[in-house]
PDB file of N, CA and C in Angstrom:
ATOM      1  N   UNK A   1      89.962-137.678 -45.825  1.00  0.00           N
ATOM      2  CA  UNK A   1      89.507-138.054 -44.505  1.00  0.00           C
ATOM      3  C   UNK A   1      88.271-138.930 -44.671  1.00  0.00           C
ATOM      4  N   UNK A   2      88.264-140.016 -43.976  1.00  0.00           N
ATOM      5  CA  UNK A   2      87.137-140.939 -44.020  1.00  0.00           C
ATOM      6  C   UNK A   2      86.248-140.717 -42.796  1.00  0.00           C
ATOM      7  N   UNK A   3      84.944-140.584 -43.042  1.00  0.00           N
ATOM      8  CA  UNK A   3      83.970-140.354 -41.976  1.00  0.00           C
ATOM      9  C   UNK A   3      82.852-141.373 -42.127  1.00  0.00           C
ATOM     10  N   UNK A   4      82.456-141.976 -41.008  1.00  0.00           N
ATOM     11  CA  UNK A   4      81.404-142.994 -41.039  1.00  0.00           C
ATOM     12  C   UNK A   4      80.408-142.697 -39.921  1.00  0.00           C
ATOM     13  N   UNK A   5      79.147-142.502 -40.274  1.00  0.00           N
ATOM     14  CA  UNK A   5      78.105-142.264 -39.270  1.00  0.00           C
ATOM     15  C   UNK A   5      77.684-143.615 -38.706  1.00  0.00           C
ATOM     16  N   UNK A   6      77.857-143.779 -37.408  1.00  0.00           N
ATOM     17  CA  UNK A   6      77.523-145.036 -36.742  1.00  0.00           C
ATOM     18  C   UNK A   6      76.098-145.028 -36.197  1.00  0.00           C
ATOM     19  N   UNK A   7      75.656-143.851 -35.770  1.00  0.00           N
ATOM     20  CA  UNK A   7      74.324-143.714 -35.170  1.00  0.00           C
ATOM     21  C   UNK A   7      73.839-142.297 -35.431  1.00  0.00           C
ATOM     22  N   UNK A   8      72.573-142.172 -35.842  1.00  0.00           N
ATOM     23  CA  UNK A   8      72.037-140.837 -36.077  1.00  0.00           C
ATOM     24  C   UNK A   8      70.588-140.787 -35.624  1.00  0.00           C
ATOM     25  N   UNK A   9      70.356-139.927 -34.660  1.00  0.00           N
ATOM     26  CA  UNK A   9      69.019-139.612 -34.192  1.00  0.00           C
ATOM     27  C   UNK A   9      68.923-138.094 -34.193  1.00  0.00           C
ATOM     28  N   UNK A  10      67.741-137.565 -33.927  1.00  0.00           N
ATOM     29  CA  UNK A  10      67.582-136.110 -33.986  1.00  0.00           C
ATOM     30  C   UNK A  10      68.545-135.395 -33.039  1.00  0.00           C
ATOM     31  N   UNK A  11      68.610-135.818 -31.799  1.00  0.00           N
ATOM     32  CA  UNK A  11      69.414-135.115 -30.792  1.00  0.00           C
ATOM     33  C   UNK A  11      70.725-135.819 -30.454  1.00  0.00           C
ATOM     34  N   UNK A  12      71.092-136.813 -31.247  1.00  0.00           N
ATOM     35  CA  UNK A  12      72.332-137.538 -30.959  1.00  0.00           C
ATOM     36  C   UNK A  12      72.915-138.105 -32.247  1.00  0.00           C
ATOM     37  N   UNK A  13      74.236-137.987 -32.368  1.00  0.00           N
ATOM     38  CA  UNK A  13      74.929-138.551 -33.525  1.00  0.00           C
ATOM     39  C   UNK A  13      76.276-139.099 -33.064  1.00  0.00           C
ATOM     40  N   UNK A  14      76.665-140.201 -33.661  1.00  0.00           N
ATOM     41  CA  UNK A  14      77.940-140.835 -33.355  1.00  0.00           C
ATOM     42  C   UNK A  14      78.666-141.034 -34.684  1.00  0.00           C
ATOM     43  N   UNK A  15      79.866-140.450 -34.800  1.00  0.00           N
ATOM     44  CA  UNK A  15      80.596-140.456 -36.067  1.00  0.00           C
ATOM     45  C   UNK A  15      82.015-140.973 -35.842  1.00  0.00           C
ATOM     46  N   UNK A  16      82.437-141.881 -36.724  1.00  0.00           N
ATOM     47  CA  UNK A  16      83.792-142.428 -36.655  1.00  0.00           C
ATOM     48  C   UNK A  16      84.668-141.718 -37.675  1.00  0.00           C
ATOM     49  N   UNK A  17      85.869-141.335 -37.263  1.00  0.00           N
ATOM     50  CA  UNK A  17      86.840-140.672 -38.134  1.00  0.00           C
ATOM     51  C   UNK A  17      88.071-141.548 -38.275  1.00  0.00           C
ATOM     52  N   UNK A  18      88.866-141.309 -39.322  1.00  0.00           N
ATOM     53  CA  UNK A  18      90.062-142.126 -39.530  1.00  0.00           C
ATOM     54  C   UNK A  18      91.296-141.590 -38.807  1.00  0.00           C
ATOM     55  N   UNK A  19      91.184-140.395 -38.203  1.00  0.00           N
ATOM     56  CA  UNK A  19      92.276-139.868 -37.388  1.00  0.00           C
ATOM     57  C   UNK A  19      91.683-138.993 -36.287  1.00  0.00           C
ATOM     58  N   UNK A  20      92.500-138.548 -35.387  1.00  0.00           N
ATOM     59  CA  UNK A  20      92.014-137.832 -34.201  1.00  0.00           C
ATOM     60  C   UNK A  20      91.982-136.318 -34.358  1.00  0.00           C
ATOM     61  N   UNK A  21      92.639-135.767 -35.349  1.00  0.00           N
ATOM     62  CA  UNK A  21      92.764-134.321 -35.486  1.00  0.00           C
ATOM     63  C   UNK A  21      91.417-133.618 -35.600  1.00  0.00           C
ATOM     64  N   UNK A  22      90.590-134.042 -36.534  1.00  0.00           N
ATOM     65  CA  UNK A  22      89.336-133.338 -36.760  1.00  0.00           C
ATOM     66  C   UNK A  22      88.311-133.558 -35.641  1.00  0.00           C
ATOM     67  N   UNK A  23      88.175-134.760 -35.091  1.00  0.00           N
ATOM     68  CA  UNK A  23      87.232-134.911 -33.972  1.00  0.00           C
ATOM     69  C   UNK A  23      87.580-134.013 -32.775  1.00  0.00           C
ATOM     70  N   UNK A  24      88.856-133.828 -32.510  1.00  0.00           N
ATOM     71  CA  UNK A  24      89.253-132.954 -31.398  1.00  0.00           C
ATOM     72  C   UNK A  24      88.897-131.501 -31.696  1.00  0.00           C
ATOM     73  N   UNK A  25      89.150-131.058 -32.913  1.00  0.00           N
ATOM     74  CA  UNK A  25      88.796-129.695 -33.315  1.00  0.00           C
ATOM     75  C   UNK A  25      87.279-129.497 -33.250  1.00  0.00           C
ATOM     76  N   UNK A  26      86.524-130.470 -33.748  1.00  0.00           N
ATOM     77  CA  UNK A  26      85.063-130.395 -33.679  1.00  0.00           C
ATOM     78  C   UNK A  26      84.580-130.343 -32.229  1.00  0.00           C
ATOM     79  N   UNK A  27      85.175-131.151 -31.379  1.00  0.00           N
ATOM     80  CA  UNK A  27      84.781-131.184 -29.971  1.00  0.00           C
ATOM     81  C   UNK A  27      84.904-129.798 -29.341  1.00  0.00           C
ATOM     82  N   UNK A  28      86.008-129.121 -29.615  1.00  0.00           N
ATOM     83  CA  UNK A  28      86.234-127.789 -29.052  1.00  0.00           C
ATOM     84  C   UNK A  28      85.153-126.812 -29.521  1.00  0.00           C
ATOM     85  N   UNK A  29      84.880-126.808 -30.802  1.00  0.00           N
ATOM     86  CA  UNK A  29      83.874-125.879 -31.346  1.00  0.00           C
ATOM     87  C   UNK A  29      82.461-126.264 -30.909  1.00  0.00           C
ATOM     88  N   UNK A  30      82.162-127.544 -30.857  1.00  0.00           N
ATOM     89  CA  UNK A  30      80.826-127.977 -30.436  1.00  0.00           C
ATOM     90  C   UNK A  30      80.540-127.596 -28.985  1.00  0.00           C
ATOM     91  N   UNK A  31      81.545-127.661 -28.141  1.00  0.00           N
ATOM     92  CA  UNK A  31      81.343-127.323 -26.734  1.00  0.00           C
ATOM     93  C   UNK A  31      81.118-125.827 -26.508  1.00  0.00           C
ATOM     94  N   UNK A  32      81.302-125.016 -27.530  1.00  0.00           N
ATOM     95  CA  UNK A  32      80.981-123.588 -27.448  1.00  0.00           C
ATOM     96  C   UNK A  32      79.502-123.335 -27.733  1.00  0.00           C
ATOM     97  N   UNK A  33      78.810-124.317 -28.313  1.00  0.00           N
ATOM     98  CA  UNK A  33      77.402-124.207 -28.699  1.00  0.00           C
ATOM     99  C   UNK A  33      76.521-124.519 -27.489  1.00  0.00           C
ATOM    100  N   UNK A  34      75.664-123.582 -27.124  1.00  0.00           N
ATOM    101  CA  UNK A  34      74.821-123.759 -25.933  1.00  0.00           C
ATOM    102  C   UNK A  34      73.771-124.858 -26.099  1.00  0.00           C
ATOM    103  N   UNK A  35      73.451-125.252 -27.331  1.00  0.00           N
ATOM    104  CA  UNK A  35      72.476-126.325 -27.532  1.00  0.00           C
ATOM    105  C   UNK A  35      73.116-127.708 -27.482  1.00  0.00           C
ATOM    106  N   UNK A  36      74.434-127.759 -27.464  1.00  0.00           N
ATOM    107  CA  UNK A  36      75.141-129.034 -27.361  1.00  0.00           C
ATOM    108  C   UNK A  36      75.307-129.370 -25.887  1.00  0.00           C
ATOM    109  N   UNK A  37      74.723-130.488 -25.481  1.00  0.00           N
ATOM    110  CA  UNK A  37      74.804-130.903 -24.077  1.00  0.00           C
ATOM    111  C   UNK A  37      76.001-131.813 -23.818  1.00  0.00           C
ATOM    112  N   UNK A  38      76.504-132.450 -24.875  1.00  0.00           N
ATOM    113  CA  UNK A  38      77.650-133.338 -24.723  1.00  0.00           C
ATOM    114  C   UNK A  38      78.359-133.471 -26.059  1.00  0.00           C
ATOM    115  N   UNK A  39      79.667-133.306 -26.057  1.00  0.00           N
ATOM    116  CA  UNK A  39      80.489-133.526 -27.252  1.00  0.00           C
ATOM    117  C   UNK A  39      81.845-134.034 -26.795  1.00  0.00           C
ATOM    118  N   UNK A  40      82.148-135.256 -27.164  1.00  0.00           N
ATOM    119  CA  UNK A  40      83.424-135.857 -26.781  1.00  0.00           C
ATOM    120  C   UNK A  40      83.747-136.994 -27.741  1.00  0.00           C
ATOM    121  N   UNK A  41      85.013-137.294 -27.842  1.00  0.00           N
ATOM    122  CA  UNK A  41      85.423-138.421 -28.654  1.00  0.00           C
ATOM    123  C   UNK A  41      85.992-139.493 -27.742  1.00  0.00           C
ATOM    124  N   UNK A  42      85.977-140.705 -28.250  1.00  0.00           N
ATOM    125  CA  UNK A  42      86.579-141.817 -27.513  1.00  0.00           C
ATOM    126  C   UNK A  42      87.342-142.685 -28.504  1.00  0.00           C
ATOM    127  N   UNK A  43      88.337-143.332 -27.987  1.00  0.00           N
ATOM    128  CA  UNK A  43      89.137-144.249 -28.791  1.00  0.00           C
ATOM    129  C   UNK A  43      89.353-145.475 -27.917  1.00  0.00           C
ATOM    130  N   UNK A  44      88.608-146.518 -28.204  1.00  0.00           N
ATOM    131  CA  UNK A  44      88.609-147.691 -27.326  1.00  0.00           C
ATOM    132  C   UNK A  44      89.947-148.416 -27.278  1.00  0.00           C
ATOM    133  N   UNK A  45      90.709-148.334 -28.346  1.00  0.00           N
ATOM    134  CA  UNK A  45      92.015-148.982 -28.381  1.00  0.00           C
ATOM    135  C   UNK A  45      92.873-148.239 -29.402  1.00  0.00           C
ATOM    136  N   UNK A  46      94.172-148.293 -29.241  1.00  0.00           N
ATOM    137  CA  UNK A  46      95.052-147.553 -30.153  1.00  0.00           C
ATOM    138  C   UNK A  46      94.933-148.023 -31.601  1.00  0.00           C
ATOM    139  N   UNK A  47      94.433-149.224 -31.822  1.00  0.00           N
ATOM    140  CA  UNK A  47      94.249-149.725 -33.185  1.00  0.00           C
ATOM    141  C   UNK A  47      92.884-149.357 -33.764  1.00  0.00           C
ATOM    142  N   UNK A  48      92.025-148.779 -32.963  1.00  0.00           N
ATOM    143  CA  UNK A  48      90.672-148.408 -33.404  1.00  0.00           C
ATOM    144  C   UNK A  48      90.613-146.931 -33.769  1.00  0.00           C
ATOM    145  N   UNK A  49      89.668-146.589 -34.620  1.00  0.00           N
ATOM    146  CA  UNK A  49      89.455-145.200 -34.998  1.00  0.00           C
ATOM    147  C   UNK A  49      88.684-144.457 -33.916  1.00  0.00           C
ATOM    148  N   UNK A  50      88.915-143.141 -33.784  1.00  0.00           N
ATOM    149  CA  UNK A  50      88.172-142.362 -32.798  1.00  0.00           C
ATOM    150  C   UNK A  50      86.711-142.179 -33.223  1.00  0.00           C
ATOM    151  N   UNK A  51      85.835-142.114 -32.227  1.00  0.00           N
ATOM    152  CA  UNK A  51      84.407-141.928 -32.453  1.00  0.00           C
ATOM    153  C   UNK A  51      83.966-140.688 -31.680  1.00  0.00           C
ATOM    154  N   UNK A  52      83.321-139.767 -32.389  1.00  0.00           N
ATOM    155  CA  UNK A  52      82.810-138.536 -31.791  1.00  0.00           C
ATOM    156  C   UNK A  52      81.333-138.722 -31.485  1.00  0.00           C
ATOM    157  N   UNK A  53      80.946-138.440 -30.242  1.00  0.00           N
ATOM    158  CA  UNK A  53      79.555-138.508 -29.825  1.00  0.00           C
ATOM    159  C   UNK A  53      79.081-137.096 -29.509  1.00  0.00           C
ATOM    160  N   UNK A  54      77.965-136.707 -30.114  1.00  0.00           N
ATOM    161  CA  UNK A  54      77.398-135.378 -29.913  1.00  0.00           C
ATOM    162  C   UNK A  54      75.936-135.526 -29.514  1.00  0.00           C
ATOM    163  N   UNK A  55      75.566-134.877 -28.403  1.00  0.00           N
ATOM    164  CA  UNK A  55      74.176-134.852 -27.948  1.00  0.00           C
ATOM    165  C   UNK A  55      73.745-133.397 -27.854  1.00  0.00           C
ATOM    166  N   UNK A  56      72.511-133.131 -28.283  1.00  0.00           N
ATOM    167  CA  UNK A  56      72.013-131.756 -28.293  1.00  0.00           C
ATOM    168  C   UNK A  56      70.647-131.670 -27.629  1.00  0.00           C
ATOM    169  N   UNK A  57      70.265-130.431 -27.360  1.00  0.00           N
ATOM    170  CA  UNK A  57      68.931-130.154 -26.831  1.00  0.00           C
ATOM    171  C   UNK A  57      68.377-128.975 -27.616  1.00  0.00           C
ATOM    172  N   UNK A  58      67.305-129.199 -28.360  1.00  0.00           N
ATOM    173  CA  UNK A  58      66.686-128.119 -29.114  1.00  0.00           C
ATOM    174  C   UNK A  58      67.254-127.889 -30.495  1.00  0.00           C
ATOM    175  N   UNK A  59      68.233-128.678 -30.911  1.00  0.00           N
ATOM    176  CA  UNK A  59      68.832-128.541 -32.245  1.00  0.00           C
ATOM    177  C   UNK A  59      69.213-129.934 -32.727  1.00  0.00           C
ATOM    178  N   UNK A  60      69.030-130.174 -33.996  1.00  0.00           N
ATOM    179  CA  UNK A  60      69.445-131.442 -34.585  1.00  0.00           C
ATOM    180  C   UNK A  60      70.964-131.577 -34.436  1.00  0.00           C
ATOM    181  N   UNK A  61      71.436-132.740 -34.038  1.00  0.00           N
ATOM    182  CA  UNK A  61      72.863-132.954 -33.802  1.00  0.00           C
ATOM    183  C   UNK A  61      73.681-132.759 -35.077  1.00  0.00           C
ATOM    184  N   UNK A  62      73.142-133.183 -36.221  1.00  0.00           N
ATOM    185  CA  UNK A  62      73.854-132.989 -37.481  1.00  0.00           C
ATOM    186  C   UNK A  62      73.984-131.507 -37.810  1.00  0.00           C
ATOM    187  N   UNK A  63      72.948-130.733 -37.527  1.00  0.00           N
ATOM    188  CA  UNK A  63      72.995-129.285 -37.752  1.00  0.00           C
ATOM    189  C   UNK A  63      74.071-128.656 -36.863  1.00  0.00           C
ATOM    190  N   UNK A  64      74.190-129.120 -35.633  1.00  0.00           N
ATOM    191  CA  UNK A  64      75.223-128.600 -34.728  1.00  0.00           C
ATOM    192  C   UNK A  64      76.617-128.857 -35.299  1.00  0.00           C
ATOM    193  N   UNK A  65      76.827-130.043 -35.859  1.00  0.00           N
ATOM    194  CA  UNK A  65      78.121-130.348 -36.472  1.00  0.00           C
ATOM    195  C   UNK A  65      78.341-129.475 -37.696  1.00  0.00           C
ATOM    196  N   UNK A  66      77.303-129.313 -38.513  1.00  0.00           N
ATOM    197  CA  UNK A  66      77.419-128.448 -39.697  1.00  0.00           C
ATOM    198  C   UNK A  66      77.820-127.026 -39.307  1.00  0.00           C
ATOM    199  N   UNK A  67      77.200-126.494 -38.262  1.00  0.00           N
ATOM    200  CA  UNK A  67      77.510-125.131 -37.803  1.00  0.00           C
ATOM    201  C   UNK A  67      78.943-125.049 -37.267  1.00  0.00           C
ATOM    202  N   UNK A  68      79.384-126.093 -36.572  1.00  0.00           N
ATOM    203  CA  UNK A  68      80.755-126.112 -36.054  1.00  0.00           C
ATOM    204  C   UNK A  68      81.753-126.138 -37.202  1.00  0.00           C
ATOM    205  N   UNK A  69      81.466-126.915 -38.243  1.00  0.00           N
ATOM    206  CA  UNK A  69      82.351-126.974 -39.410  1.00  0.00           C
ATOM    207  C   UNK A  69      82.408-125.614 -40.100  1.00  0.00           C
ATOM    208  N   UNK A  70      81.263-124.939 -40.202  1.00  0.00           N
ATOM    209  CA  UNK A  70      81.238-123.592 -40.787  1.00  0.00           C
ATOM    210  C   UNK A  70      82.107-122.623 -39.978  1.00  0.00           C
ATOM    211  N   UNK A  71      82.010-122.698 -38.652  1.00  0.00           N
ATOM    212  CA  UNK A  71      82.805-121.817 -37.787  1.00  0.00           C
ATOM    213  C   UNK A  71      84.298-122.120 -37.929  1.00  0.00           C
ATOM    214  N   UNK A  72      84.649-123.391 -38.016  1.00  0.00           N
ATOM    215  CA  UNK A  72      86.045-123.788 -38.194  1.00  0.00           C
ATOM    216  C   UNK A  72      86.569-123.241 -39.518  1.00  0.00           C
ATOM    217  N   UNK A  73      85.787-123.419 -40.575  1.00  0.00           N
ATOM    218  CA  UNK A  73      86.180-122.939 -41.901  1.00  0.00           C
ATOM    219  C   UNK A  73      86.374-121.429 -41.907  1.00  0.00           C
ATOM    220  N   UNK A  74      85.454-120.716 -41.274  1.00  0.00           N
ATOM    221  CA  UNK A  74      85.550-119.255 -41.201  1.00  0.00           C
ATOM    222  C   UNK A  74      86.828-118.825 -40.477  1.00  0.00           C
ATOM    223  N   UNK A  75      87.109-119.475 -39.340  1.00  0.00           N
ATOM    224  CA  UNK A  75      88.325-119.136 -38.583  1.00  0.00           C
ATOM    225  C   UNK A  75      89.589-119.464 -39.371  1.00  0.00           C
ATOM    226  N   UNK A  76      89.596-120.594 -40.069  1.00  0.00           N
ATOM    227  CA  UNK A  76      90.768-120.960 -40.865  1.00  0.00           C
ATOM    228  C   UNK A  76      90.967-120.002 -42.036  1.00  0.00           C
ATOM    229  N   UNK A  77      89.871-119.566 -42.655  1.00  0.00           N
ATOM    230  CA  UNK A  77      89.977-118.583 -43.739  1.00  0.00           C
ATOM    231  C   UNK A  77      90.569-117.272 -43.222  1.00  0.00           C
ATOM    232  N   UNK A  78      90.144-116.871 -42.033  1.00  0.00           N
ATOM    233  CA  UNK A  78      90.669-115.637 -41.432  1.00  0.00           C
ATOM    234  C   UNK A  78      92.168-115.776 -41.145  1.00  0.00           C
ATOM    235  N   UNK A  79      92.558-116.902 -40.590  1.00  0.00           N
ATOM    236  CA  UNK A  79      93.981-117.139 -40.294  1.00  0.00           C
ATOM    237  C   UNK A  79      94.791-117.140 -41.585  1.00  0.00           C
ATOM    238  N   UNK A  80      94.252-117.768 -42.617  1.00  0.00           N
ATOM    239  CA  UNK A  80      94.953-117.816 -43.903  1.00  0.00           C
ATOM    240  C   UNK A  80      95.149-116.415 -44.484  1.00  0.00           C
ATOM    241  N   UNK A  81      94.111-115.600 -44.443  1.00  0.00           N
ATOM    242  CA  UNK A  81      94.240-114.243 -44.991  1.00  0.00           C
ATOM    243  C   UNK A  81      95.208-113.398 -44.171  1.00  0.00           C
ATOM    244  N   UNK A  82      95.203-113.565 -42.853  1.00  0.00           N
ATOM    245  CA  UNK A  82      96.143-112.833 -42.005  1.00  0.00           C
ATOM    246  C   UNK A  82      97.583-113.306 -42.271  1.00  0.00           C
ATOM    247  N   UNK A  83      97.751-114.604 -42.497  1.00  0.00           N
ATOM    248  CA  UNK A  83      99.072-115.125 -42.771  1.00  0.00           C
ATOM    249  C   UNK A  83      99.590-114.609 -44.118  1.00  0.00           C
ATOM    250  N   UNK A  84      98.716-114.559 -45.112  1.00  0.00           N
ATOM    251  CA  UNK A  84      99.114-114.065 -46.429  1.00  0.00           C
ATOM    252  C   UNK A  84      99.460-112.584 -46.384  1.00  0.00           C
ATOM    253  N   UNK A  85      98.863-111.842 -45.459  1.00  0.00           N
ATOM    254  CA  UNK A  85      99.133-110.400 -45.332  1.00  0.00           C
ATOM    255  C   UNK A  85     100.490-110.122 -44.689  1.00  0.00           C
ATOM    256  N   UNK A  86     101.088-111.115 -44.045  1.00  0.00           N
ATOM    257  CA  UNK A  86     102.399-110.929 -43.434  1.00  0.00           C
ATOM    258  C   UNK A  86     103.445-110.695 -44.507  1.00  0.00           C
ATOM    259  N   UNK A  87     104.401-109.852 -44.185  1.00  0.00           N
ATOM    260  CA  UNK A  87     105.482-109.578 -45.152  1.00  0.00           C
ATOM    261  C   UNK A  87     106.774-110.120 -44.666  1.00  0.00           C
TER     262      UNK A  87
END
C-alpha cells in the first residue's frame, strides 16, 4: 500500500492512499475518537487516489491515526484468533 502525506500540521493531516479500502476503515475508527473533530476521505475523480483528511482538537492528528491503526490491528487479531478457533 502506498501512502503519501500531503499536509501535516499539529491538528490536521491530509494523506493520500493508493486505494479506498484503508481510508474508509480509518475513517470509521477515527470517528469513534472524541478528539477527532473531522475525518473523511475524498476522491476528486475516479482516476485520482483517495485523500483522507483528519482534524483533531487536543491531540496530534498523526497520533490519532496511529491510535486508530492500533485499534484496527487489535480487532483484526481478535477476529483472526476467533476464526482459527472455529472447527
